[in-house]
């Protein structure tokens, strides 16, 4: 296709104006693309997730249980938030603080009472006797979880959890969640020497529930087990 002189001049004018616009845009400083590099302490398997500085169990937490919790986290590099984890020692009586919020950066630990399922303690001794992942068992389940969405339910604002192991992969279907309950308040432990029992949920006092949910939100890991 051939162009006459007038058409060629017209295209030249358009090109020149385009060049002027491009130069003007550059002069006002359009934002440049920025490629962010991972922090130097990033996990190579999960580039934007910081490595935890804590490698040994903090005081008050069973070293073997802590090692299992850390292994559960380390084997799942897709978990983005790796600063705080929940470690639940179900070998401890329900009257005692046994749900540990562990800051993996500073090493600080914050411990809370948590109820277990009635199916795990049929005699209501205050001690968890067995786990179950079965529907209708009303028992607690062992293994690794990640926190999920919050919702308004029977106990007010509650938080869903997702089971990541064969031993707890029915957690969502069984509606296992983090919630508060009157039977998990501190005065129940003081008056009766044990907490009441849930249907397998992680049930806390109101104050503890809010603290746990705020520290473990956005897909952080919880690891629950009984070693003794």
Protein backbone atom coordinates (compact mmCIF):
# COMPACT_ATOMS: atom_id res chain seq x y z
CA UNK A 1 0.00 0.00 0.00
CA UNK A 2 1.42 3.41 -0.98
CA UNK A 3 0.83 6.70 0.85
CA UNK A 4 0.67 10.11 -0.76
CA UNK A 5 2.69 13.04 0.55
CA UNK A 6 -0.22 14.54 2.51
CA UNK A 7 -0.88 11.21 4.32
CA UNK A 8 2.79 10.82 5.13
CA UNK A 9 2.91 14.32 6.59
CA UNK A 10 -0.20 13.55 8.65
CA UNK A 11 1.33 10.40 10.11
CA UNK A 12 4.50 12.32 10.87
CA UNK A 13 2.49 14.87 12.82
CA UNK A 14 0.75 12.12 14.81
CA UNK A 15 4.08 10.49 15.57
CA UNK A 16 5.57 13.74 16.70
CA UNK A 17 2.61 14.49 18.95
CA UNK A 18 2.85 10.99 20.40
CA UNK A 19 6.50 11.57 21.15
CA UNK A 20 5.66 14.86 22.85
CA UNK A 21 2.99 13.14 24.99
CA UNK A 22 5.43 10.41 25.94
CA UNK A 23 8.05 13.00 26.91
CA UNK A 24 5.48 14.96 28.90
CA UNK A 25 4.40 11.83 30.74
CA UNK A 26 8.00 11.11 31.64
CA UNK A 27 8.50 14.62 32.89
CA UNK A 28 5.65 14.39 35.41
CA UNK A 29 7.17 11.26 36.90
CA UNK A 30 4.83 8.31 36.32
CA UNK A 31 5.31 5.63 38.97
CA UNK A 32 7.94 3.12 38.00
CA UNK A 33 7.55 -0.62 38.47
CA UNK A 34 9.22 -1.77 41.65
CA UNK A 35 10.39 -5.36 42.04
CA UNK A 36 10.49 -6.12 45.72
CA UNK A 37 13.11 -8.56 46.90
CA UNK A 38 12.47 -10.96 49.78
CA UNK A 39 13.92 -10.01 53.16
CA UNK A 40 17.30 -11.60 53.84
CA UNK A 41 15.80 -13.92 56.46
CA UNK A 42 13.14 -15.32 54.14
CA UNK A 43 12.49 -19.02 53.85
CA UNK A 44 13.69 -20.12 50.39
CA UNK A 45 10.65 -22.37 50.02
CA UNK A 46 8.27 -19.53 50.89
CA UNK A 47 10.13 -16.35 49.86
CA UNK A 48 8.03 -13.84 51.78
CA UNK A 49 7.62 -15.86 54.98
CA UNK A 50 10.24 -15.02 57.63
CA UNK A 51 12.16 -17.84 59.24
CA UNK A 52 11.50 -18.29 62.91
CA UNK A 53 14.38 -17.55 65.21
CA UNK A 54 13.10 -20.04 67.78
CA UNK A 55 14.53 -23.54 67.40
CA UNK A 56 14.15 -24.96 70.92
CA UNK A 57 11.03 -25.35 73.02
CA UNK A 58 10.22 -22.42 75.31
CA UNK A 59 9.94 -23.13 79.02
CA UNK A 60 6.67 -24.80 79.92
CA UNK A 61 6.14 -26.57 76.59
CA UNK A 62 7.00 -30.22 76.03
CA UNK A 63 10.09 -30.23 73.75
CA UNK A 64 8.83 -33.17 71.70
CA UNK A 65 5.43 -31.56 71.19
CA UNK A 66 7.05 -28.28 70.18
CA UNK A 67 9.33 -30.10 67.73
CA UNK A 68 6.29 -31.76 66.15
CA UNK A 69 4.51 -28.40 65.87
CA UNK A 70 7.57 -26.79 64.24
CA UNK A 71 7.89 -29.73 61.84
CA UNK A 72 4.23 -29.31 60.90
CA UNK A 73 4.90 -25.67 60.08
CA UNK A 74 8.20 -26.27 58.28
CA UNK A 75 6.63 -28.96 56.07
CA UNK A 76 4.01 -26.49 54.84
CA UNK A 77 5.88 -23.57 53.25
CA UNK A 78 2.64 -22.30 51.73
CA UNK A 79 1.55 -21.02 55.17
CA UNK A 80 2.27 -17.33 54.79
CA UNK A 81 2.16 -16.10 58.39
CA UNK A 82 4.83 -17.90 60.43
CA UNK A 83 5.42 -15.54 63.33
CA UNK A 84 3.03 -17.07 65.89
CA UNK A 85 1.67 -20.61 66.23
CA UNK A 86 -0.70 -22.31 68.63
CA UNK A 87 0.58 -25.43 70.42
CA UNK A 88 -2.05 -27.41 72.33
CA UNK A 89 -0.86 -29.95 74.91
CA UNK A 90 -3.83 -32.22 75.52
CA UNK A 91 -1.85 -34.34 77.99
CA UNK A 92 -2.47 -31.53 80.52
CA UNK A 93 -5.71 -31.30 82.53
CA UNK A 94 -8.37 -28.90 81.26
CA UNK A 95 -8.12 -26.82 84.45
CA UNK A 96 -4.58 -25.81 83.45
CA UNK A 97 -3.48 -23.41 80.70
CA UNK A 98 -2.53 -25.76 77.86
CA UNK A 99 -3.15 -23.78 74.67
CA UNK A 100 0.14 -21.98 74.10
CA UNK A 101 0.54 -19.00 71.79
CA UNK A 102 4.21 -19.15 70.82
CA UNK A 103 5.91 -16.16 69.23
CA UNK A 104 8.53 -17.82 67.04
CA UNK A 105 10.48 -14.59 66.63
CA UNK A 106 10.81 -13.44 70.25
CA UNK A 107 10.31 -16.78 72.02
CA UNK A 108 7.53 -15.37 74.22
CA UNK A 109 4.71 -17.68 75.23
CA UNK A 110 1.17 -16.86 76.30
CA UNK A 111 -0.91 -19.75 77.69
CA UNK A 112 -4.70 -20.18 77.94
CA UNK A 113 -7.17 -22.75 79.19
CA UNK A 114 -9.09 -24.60 76.48
CA UNK A 115 -11.82 -27.22 76.69
CA UNK A 116 -11.73 -30.57 74.91
CA UNK A 117 -14.59 -32.60 73.42
CA UNK A 118 -16.93 -34.69 75.53
CA UNK A 119 -16.25 -37.66 73.27
CA UNK A 120 -12.58 -37.42 74.28
CA UNK A 121 -13.46 -37.48 78.00
CA UNK A 122 -16.63 -39.54 78.46
CA UNK A 123 -16.24 -39.74 82.25
CA UNK A 124 -15.61 -35.98 82.51
CA UNK A 125 -12.41 -36.48 84.45
CA UNK A 126 -10.90 -33.27 83.11
CA UNK A 127 -8.33 -35.22 81.08
CA UNK A 128 -8.48 -36.03 77.39
CA UNK A 129 -8.43 -39.80 76.94
CA UNK A 130 -8.72 -40.25 73.19
CA UNK A 131 -8.97 -38.39 69.90
CA UNK A 132 -11.41 -38.96 67.06
CA UNK A 133 -11.89 -37.52 63.58
CA UNK A 134 -15.22 -39.32 63.17
CA UNK A 135 -18.47 -37.48 62.52
CA UNK A 136 -20.73 -37.59 65.56
CA UNK A 137 -17.89 -38.46 67.94
CA UNK A 138 -17.98 -35.06 69.71
CA UNK A 139 -14.28 -35.62 70.33
CA UNK A 140 -11.22 -33.45 69.88
CA UNK A 141 -8.87 -34.28 67.00
CA UNK A 142 -5.10 -34.22 66.92
CA UNK A 143 -2.87 -32.76 64.24
CA UNK A 144 -2.18 -29.53 62.40
CA UNK A 145 -4.81 -26.91 61.62
CA UNK A 146 -4.85 -23.51 59.97
CA UNK A 147 -7.22 -20.77 61.00
CA UNK A 148 -9.86 -19.60 58.53
CA UNK A 149 -12.79 -17.17 58.41
CA UNK A 150 -14.69 -15.68 61.32
CA UNK A 151 -18.49 -15.80 61.52
CA UNK A 152 -21.32 -15.03 63.93
CA UNK A 153 -22.74 -18.21 65.44
CA UNK A 154 -24.25 -19.70 68.58
CA UNK A 155 -21.39 -18.36 70.71
CA UNK A 156 -21.06 -15.00 68.94
CA UNK A 157 -18.04 -14.28 66.76
CA UNK A 158 -16.17 -17.52 66.17
CA UNK A 159 -13.32 -18.65 63.93
CA UNK A 160 -13.28 -21.65 61.60
CA UNK A 161 -10.28 -23.96 61.38
CA UNK A 162 -9.21 -26.38 58.66
CA UNK A 163 -7.65 -29.74 59.50
CA UNK A 164 -4.51 -30.55 57.53
CA UNK A 165 -3.85 -34.16 58.60
CA UNK A 166 -5.64 -37.48 58.18
CA UNK A 167 -6.39 -37.30 61.91
CA UNK A 168 -8.39 -34.06 61.67
CA UNK A 169 -9.35 -33.55 58.02
CA UNK A 170 -13.06 -33.66 58.91
CA UNK A 171 -12.76 -30.54 61.06
CA UNK A 172 -14.66 -28.29 58.67
CA UNK A 173 -17.39 -30.85 58.05
CA UNK A 174 -17.74 -31.40 61.80
CA UNK A 175 -17.92 -27.62 62.38
CA UNK A 176 -14.85 -27.63 64.65
CA UNK A 177 -14.18 -23.97 65.44
CA UNK A 178 -12.68 -21.57 67.97
CA UNK A 179 -15.39 -20.09 70.18
CA UNK A 180 -16.03 -18.92 73.72
CA UNK A 181 -18.25 -20.78 76.18
CA UNK A 182 -19.44 -20.25 79.74
CA UNK A 183 -18.05 -23.66 80.71
CA UNK A 184 -14.53 -22.54 79.73
CA UNK A 185 -14.45 -19.44 81.93
CA UNK A 186 -11.78 -19.28 84.65
CA UNK A 187 -14.32 -19.50 87.48
CA UNK A 188 -15.44 -22.94 86.24
CA UNK A 189 -11.88 -24.27 86.52
CA UNK A 190 -11.56 -22.69 89.96
CA UNK A 191 -14.90 -23.98 91.30
CA UNK A 192 -14.92 -27.47 89.78
CA UNK A 193 -11.25 -28.24 89.18
CA UNK A 194 -11.88 -28.70 85.44
CA UNK A 195 -13.57 -27.06 82.48
CA UNK A 196 -16.74 -28.24 80.85
CA UNK A 197 -16.58 -30.13 77.57
CA UNK A 198 -17.20 -29.00 73.99
CA UNK A 199 -18.33 -31.07 71.00
CA UNK A 200 -14.75 -31.14 69.75
CA UNK A 201 -14.26 -27.39 69.34
CA UNK A 202 -11.49 -25.29 70.86
CA UNK A 203 -13.65 -23.57 73.50
CA UNK A 204 -12.15 -20.73 75.56
CA UNK A 205 -13.15 -18.09 78.05
CA UNK A 206 -14.32 -14.94 76.30
CA UNK A 207 -11.08 -13.08 77.09
CA UNK A 208 -8.87 -15.96 75.94
CA UNK A 209 -10.87 -16.52 72.77
CA UNK A 210 -10.38 -12.96 71.59
CA UNK A 211 -6.68 -13.10 72.38
CA UNK A 212 -6.23 -16.41 70.54
CA UNK A 213 -8.20 -15.30 67.50
CA UNK A 214 -6.34 -11.99 67.23
CA UNK A 215 -2.92 -13.65 67.42
CA UNK A 216 -3.69 -16.61 65.14
CA UNK A 217 -5.87 -15.00 62.46
CA UNK A 218 -5.19 -15.11 58.71
CA UNK A 219 -4.22 -18.74 58.26
CA UNK A 220 -1.76 -19.30 61.10
CA UNK A 221 -1.00 -22.80 62.33
CA UNK A 222 -2.36 -24.65 65.37
CA UNK A 223 -0.90 -27.98 66.38
CA UNK A 224 -2.73 -30.19 68.90
CA UNK A 225 -1.62 -33.52 70.34
CA UNK A 226 -1.22 -35.63 73.47
CA UNK A 227 2.14 -37.32 73.98
CA UNK A 228 1.73 -38.77 77.47
